[in-house]
Amino acid sequence: MFAKIDVNGDDAAELYKWLKAEAPGEGETSDLVWNFEKFLVNANGDVVQRFSPTVTPEEVAEQLGELLG
């Protein structure tokens, strides 16, 4: 049920390839730099925003009202 997957490189899981293509981030590469990066996806399946590892879940939650409203 659970297995380690790659999130960067040629063997990256399709989900992460798509997320990174939709929200490439601000660095020289779209690679995830740490496992606590977050993506906010709306009900239509559109990536709304990508958050750095230092952004807290509470900070992400502040934007949920706009999507749910």
Protein backbone atom coordinates (compact mmCIF):
# COMPACT_ATOMS: atom_id res chain seq x y z
CA MET A 1 0.00 0.00 0.00
CA PHE A 2 2.82 2.39 0.83
CA ALA A 3 6.13 2.44 -0.94
CA LYS A 4 8.92 4.90 -1.39
CA ILE A 5 8.64 6.83 -4.64
CA ASP A 6 10.93 9.24 -6.43
CA VAL A 7 9.78 12.85 -6.64
CA ASN A 8 12.69 14.17 -8.71
CA GLY A 9 14.64 12.90 -11.68
CA ASP A 10 13.81 10.56 -14.53
CA ASP A 11 12.08 8.05 -12.24
CA ALA A 12 9.81 10.61 -10.54
CA ALA A 13 6.22 9.52 -9.98
CA GLU A 14 3.80 10.90 -12.57
CA LEU A 15 1.93 12.88 -9.91
CA TYR A 16 5.06 14.81 -8.95
CA LYS A 17 6.06 15.35 -12.57
CA TRP A 18 2.66 16.93 -13.13
CA LEU A 19 2.70 19.00 -9.92
CA LYS A 20 6.14 20.38 -10.72
CA ALA A 21 5.15 21.17 -14.31
CA GLU A 22 2.07 23.06 -13.12
CA ALA A 23 3.93 24.95 -10.35
CA PRO A 24 7.64 24.89 -11.12
CA GLY A 25 8.70 27.00 -8.15
CA GLU A 26 11.16 29.84 -8.04
CA GLY A 27 14.56 28.15 -8.25
CA GLU A 28 16.71 27.16 -11.20
CA THR A 29 15.01 23.76 -11.21
CA SER A 30 11.48 22.60 -10.48
CA ASP A 31 12.81 19.79 -8.26
CA LEU A 32 11.41 19.43 -4.78
CA VAL A 33 14.08 20.46 -2.32
CA TRP A 34 12.62 18.82 0.76
CA ASN A 35 9.77 16.47 1.58
CA PHE A 36 7.69 19.17 3.30
CA GLU A 37 6.99 21.17 0.13
CA LYS A 38 3.26 21.52 -0.35
CA PHE A 39 0.92 21.96 -3.31
CA LEU A 40 -2.57 23.44 -3.07
CA VAL A 41 -4.93 21.93 -5.66
CA ASN A 42 -8.49 23.19 -6.18
CA ALA A 43 -11.66 21.14 -6.73
CA ASN A 44 -11.13 21.26 -10.50
CA GLY A 45 -7.69 19.69 -10.16
CA ASP A 46 -5.79 22.89 -10.92
CA VAL A 47 -2.61 23.56 -8.99
CA VAL A 48 -3.25 26.86 -7.24
CA GLN A 49 0.07 27.32 -5.50
CA ARG A 50 3.28 25.65 -4.44
CA PHE A 51 4.60 26.31 -0.95
CA SER A 52 8.15 26.05 0.32
CA PRO A 53 8.98 23.66 3.16
CA THR A 54 9.10 26.52 5.65
CA VAL A 55 5.44 27.48 5.08
CA THR A 56 3.29 26.02 7.84
CA PRO A 57 0.03 24.15 7.28
CA GLU A 58 -1.70 27.02 9.09
CA GLU A 59 -0.39 29.46 6.50
CA VAL A 60 -1.70 27.22 3.72
CA ALA A 61 -5.06 27.00 5.53
CA GLU A 62 -5.42 30.79 5.30
CA GLN A 63 -5.86 30.40 1.54
CA LEU A 64 -8.45 27.63 1.79
CA GLY A 65 -11.26 30.08 2.53
CA GLU A 66 -10.85 31.64 -0.90
CA LEU A 67 -11.12 28.25 -2.58
CA LEU A 68 -14.04 27.06 -0.48
CA GLY A 69 -15.96 30.35 -0.58
